[in-house]
Amino acid sequence: MRPHGTFLYFAYGSNLMTARLIARCPSARKAGNAILPGHRLAWHKIGCDDTGKCDVVPTGRPTDHVHGVAWRIRSAERPALDFHEELDTGYTAEAVRILVNRRVRLARTYRAIPTDASLLPLDWYKRFVVEGAREHALPEHWIASLHRASVMRDDDAPRRNRNLRIGRR
């Protein structure tokens, strides 16, 4: 059931972390852990800082899937989410079928527009993704696969500290 004036959002990257998403969309409430079938996770989205961010890539293979969280958000906050996801310049919005509590649901998610497979995520960005996955008790094998992603240390101290403060809330 969809409460009037809301939409379902599938988070798979840094928006897994509740504090980060609530800072962007205060009405966000967890609808449940979710799976996006027929996709794989990549860290190849060109971020505004020229480092890798998460993306979901369709594979068409039923054995491939991405674990994440389904969030129920007020429709009035969709522009804020679009802004933070760099809609039309960093990501495109797309309706996808996800599994939430063993039921198929239609949700909004974001797919990267500019990609570069040679990019690595910054250490704090990967930390958001891993800690968000842990926070929501996503499967251990999934958390282990996230943890294995290579990173580069962010040597921009103000940016690093600004972002790490989010994880301490």
Protein backbone atom coordinates (compact mmCIF):
# COMPACT_ATOMS: atom_id res chain seq x y z
CA MET A 1 0.00 0.00 0.00
CA ARG A 2 1.29 3.43 -0.95
CA PRO A 3 0.43 6.24 1.44
CA HIS A 4 -0.93 9.22 -0.45
CA GLY A 5 1.67 11.82 -1.37
CA THR A 6 4.70 9.53 -1.04
CA PHE A 7 7.01 7.51 -3.26
CA LEU A 8 9.17 4.46 -2.72
CA TYR A 9 12.91 4.98 -3.19
CA PHE A 10 15.52 2.22 -3.56
CA ALA A 11 18.87 3.21 -1.97
CA TYR A 12 21.99 1.17 -2.67
CA GLY A 13 24.89 3.58 -2.07
CA SER A 14 25.61 6.28 0.49
CA ASN A 15 21.87 6.87 1.06
CA LEU A 16 21.76 3.50 2.82
CA MET A 17 23.02 5.45 5.82
CA THR A 18 19.94 6.73 7.62
CA ALA A 19 21.57 9.95 8.90
CA ARG A 20 22.67 10.90 5.38
CA LEU A 21 19.26 10.31 3.82
CA ILE A 22 17.33 12.02 6.64
CA ALA A 23 19.54 15.10 6.23
CA ARG A 24 18.34 15.22 2.61
CA CYS A 25 14.76 13.99 3.02
CA PRO A 26 13.53 14.35 6.63
CA SER A 27 10.32 12.39 5.99
CA ALA A 28 12.18 9.23 4.87
CA ARG A 29 11.00 6.10 6.67
CA LYS A 30 12.34 2.63 6.07
CA ALA A 31 9.90 0.39 4.21
CA GLY A 32 12.22 -2.61 4.40
CA ASN A 33 15.37 -4.19 3.11
CA ALA A 34 15.13 -4.70 -0.62
CA ILE A 35 16.69 -6.48 -3.57
CA LEU A 36 17.04 -5.16 -7.11
CA PRO A 37 17.20 -8.27 -9.33
CA GLY A 38 19.06 -8.44 -12.65
CA HIS A 39 21.59 -5.77 -11.68
CA ARG A 40 25.12 -5.50 -10.28
CA LEU A 41 26.72 -2.77 -8.18
CA ALA A 42 29.54 -0.69 -9.68
CA TRP A 43 31.60 2.14 -8.18
CA HIS A 44 32.10 3.87 -11.53
CA LYS A 45 29.82 6.92 -11.43
CA ILE A 46 31.88 10.08 -11.91
CA GLY A 47 31.21 12.11 -8.78
CA CYS A 48 31.37 15.90 -8.64
CA ASP A 49 34.75 15.37 -6.93
CA ASP A 50 35.93 13.16 -9.83
CA THR A 51 35.93 10.01 -7.70
CA GLY A 52 33.82 6.87 -7.97
CA LYS A 53 30.31 6.69 -6.60
CA CYS A 54 27.87 3.78 -6.64
CA ASP A 55 25.69 2.80 -9.57
CA VAL A 56 23.39 -0.08 -10.41
CA VAL A 57 24.05 -1.67 -13.79
CA PRO A 58 21.44 -3.86 -15.48
CA THR A 59 22.77 -7.29 -16.41
CA GLY A 60 19.58 -9.10 -17.31
CA ARG A 61 20.88 -12.13 -15.40
CA PRO A 62 18.44 -13.40 -12.76
CA THR A 63 21.34 -14.51 -10.55
CA ASP A 64 22.65 -10.92 -10.28
CA HIS A 65 21.12 -8.63 -7.69
CA VAL A 66 21.85 -5.57 -5.59
CA HIS A 67 20.90 -5.37 -1.93
CA GLY A 68 19.61 -2.09 -0.58
CA VAL A 69 16.89 -0.39 1.41
CA ALA A 70 13.44 0.77 0.31
CA TRP A 71 12.51 4.14 1.78
CA ARG A 72 9.07 5.77 1.82
CA ILE A 73 9.51 9.53 1.25
CA ARG A 74 7.03 12.41 0.92
CA SER A 75 6.61 13.44 -2.71
CA ALA A 76 7.30 17.07 -1.77
CA GLU A 77 10.89 16.03 -0.92
CA ARG A 78 11.61 14.41 -4.27
CA PRO A 79 13.19 17.61 -5.68
CA ALA A 80 15.67 17.63 -2.77
CA LEU A 81 16.60 14.00 -3.44
CA ASP A 82 16.92 14.75 -7.16
CA PHE A 83 19.20 17.68 -6.36
CA HIS A 84 21.52 15.60 -4.18
CA GLU A 85 21.56 12.81 -6.76
CA GLU A 86 22.50 15.36 -9.46
CA LEU A 87 19.46 14.45 -11.56
CA ASP A 88 20.12 14.74 -15.31
CA THR A 89 23.81 15.55 -14.86
CA GLY A 90 25.06 12.77 -12.55
CA TYR A 91 22.21 10.30 -12.48
CA THR A 92 18.97 9.63 -14.28
CA ALA A 93 15.88 8.64 -12.32
CA GLU A 94 14.31 5.34 -13.20
CA ALA A 95 11.42 3.19 -12.03
CA VAL A 96 12.60 -0.31 -11.08
CA ARG A 97 10.95 -3.42 -9.72
CA ILE A 98 12.39 -4.38 -6.35
CA LEU A 99 11.60 -7.11 -3.85
CA VAL A 100 10.58 -5.85 -0.41
CA ASN A 101 9.38 -8.43 2.11
CA ARG A 102 9.10 -10.94 -0.76
CA ARG A 103 6.72 -8.69 -2.68
CA VAL A 104 7.46 -6.91 -5.93
CA ARG A 105 7.25 -3.13 -5.62
CA LEU A 106 7.86 -0.31 -8.06
CA ALA A 107 10.46 2.15 -6.76
CA ARG A 108 12.44 5.14 -7.90
CA THR A 109 16.20 4.76 -8.09
CA TYR A 110 19.07 6.50 -9.82
CA ARG A 111 21.42 5.26 -12.56
CA ALA A 112 24.71 6.95 -13.36
CA ILE A 113 25.06 8.97 -16.54
CA PRO A 114 28.81 9.67 -16.67
CA THR A 115 30.84 6.61 -15.77
CA ASP A 116 34.50 5.69 -15.74
CA ALA A 117 35.50 2.16 -14.74
CA SER A 118 38.95 3.34 -13.65
CA LEU A 119 37.61 5.45 -10.77
CA LEU A 120 37.86 4.52 -7.11
CA PRO A 121 35.60 5.76 -4.32
CA LEU A 122 37.00 7.89 -1.53
CA ASP A 123 37.47 6.08 1.77
CA TRP A 124 34.71 8.02 3.56
CA TYR A 125 32.22 7.41 0.75
CA LYS A 126 32.78 3.65 0.88
CA ARG A 127 32.45 3.89 4.66
CA PHE A 128 28.96 5.39 4.26
CA VAL A 129 27.92 2.50 2.00
CA VAL A 130 29.38 -0.22 4.24
CA GLU A 131 28.07 1.33 7.48
CA GLY A 132 24.63 1.83 5.92
CA ALA A 133 24.55 -1.82 4.87
CA ARG A 134 25.53 -2.85 8.41
CA GLU A 135 23.02 -0.47 9.98
CA HIS A 136 20.22 -2.18 8.07
CA ALA A 137 21.56 -5.71 8.58
CA LEU A 138 21.95 -6.45 4.89
CA PRO A 139 23.36 -9.94 4.26
CA GLU A 140 26.90 -10.52 5.50
CA HIS A 141 28.11 -11.71 2.08
CA TRP A 142 26.89 -8.41 0.61
CA ILE A 143 28.62 -6.35 3.28
CA ALA A 144 31.81 -8.35 2.70
CA SER A 145 31.63 -7.62 -1.05
CA LEU A 146 31.21 -3.89 -0.33
CA HIS A 147 34.12 -3.97 2.07
CA ARG A 148 36.38 -5.50 -0.62
CA ALA A 149 36.02 -2.47 -2.92
CA SER A 150 39.31 -0.62 -3.39
CA VAL A 151 39.40 3.01 -2.26
CA MET A 152 41.61 6.05 -2.24
CA ARG A 153 42.19 8.14 0.84
CA ASP A 154 40.70 11.62 0.73
CA ASP A 155 43.59 14.03 1.32
CA ASP A 156 41.26 17.05 1.22
CA ALA A 157 41.00 17.38 5.03
CA PRO A 158 38.06 19.85 5.15
CA ARG A 159 35.99 17.73 2.75
CA ARG A 160 36.95 14.53 4.57
CA ASN A 161 36.06 15.93 8.00
CA ARG A 162 32.81 17.48 6.76
CA ASN A 163 31.68 14.14 5.38
CA LEU A 164 32.86 12.03 8.31
CA ARG A 165 30.80 14.19 10.69
CA ILE A 166 27.68 12.77 9.04
CA GLY A 167 28.58 9.29 10.28
CA ARG A 168 28.84 10.47 13.90
CA ARG A 169 25.29 11.79 14.21
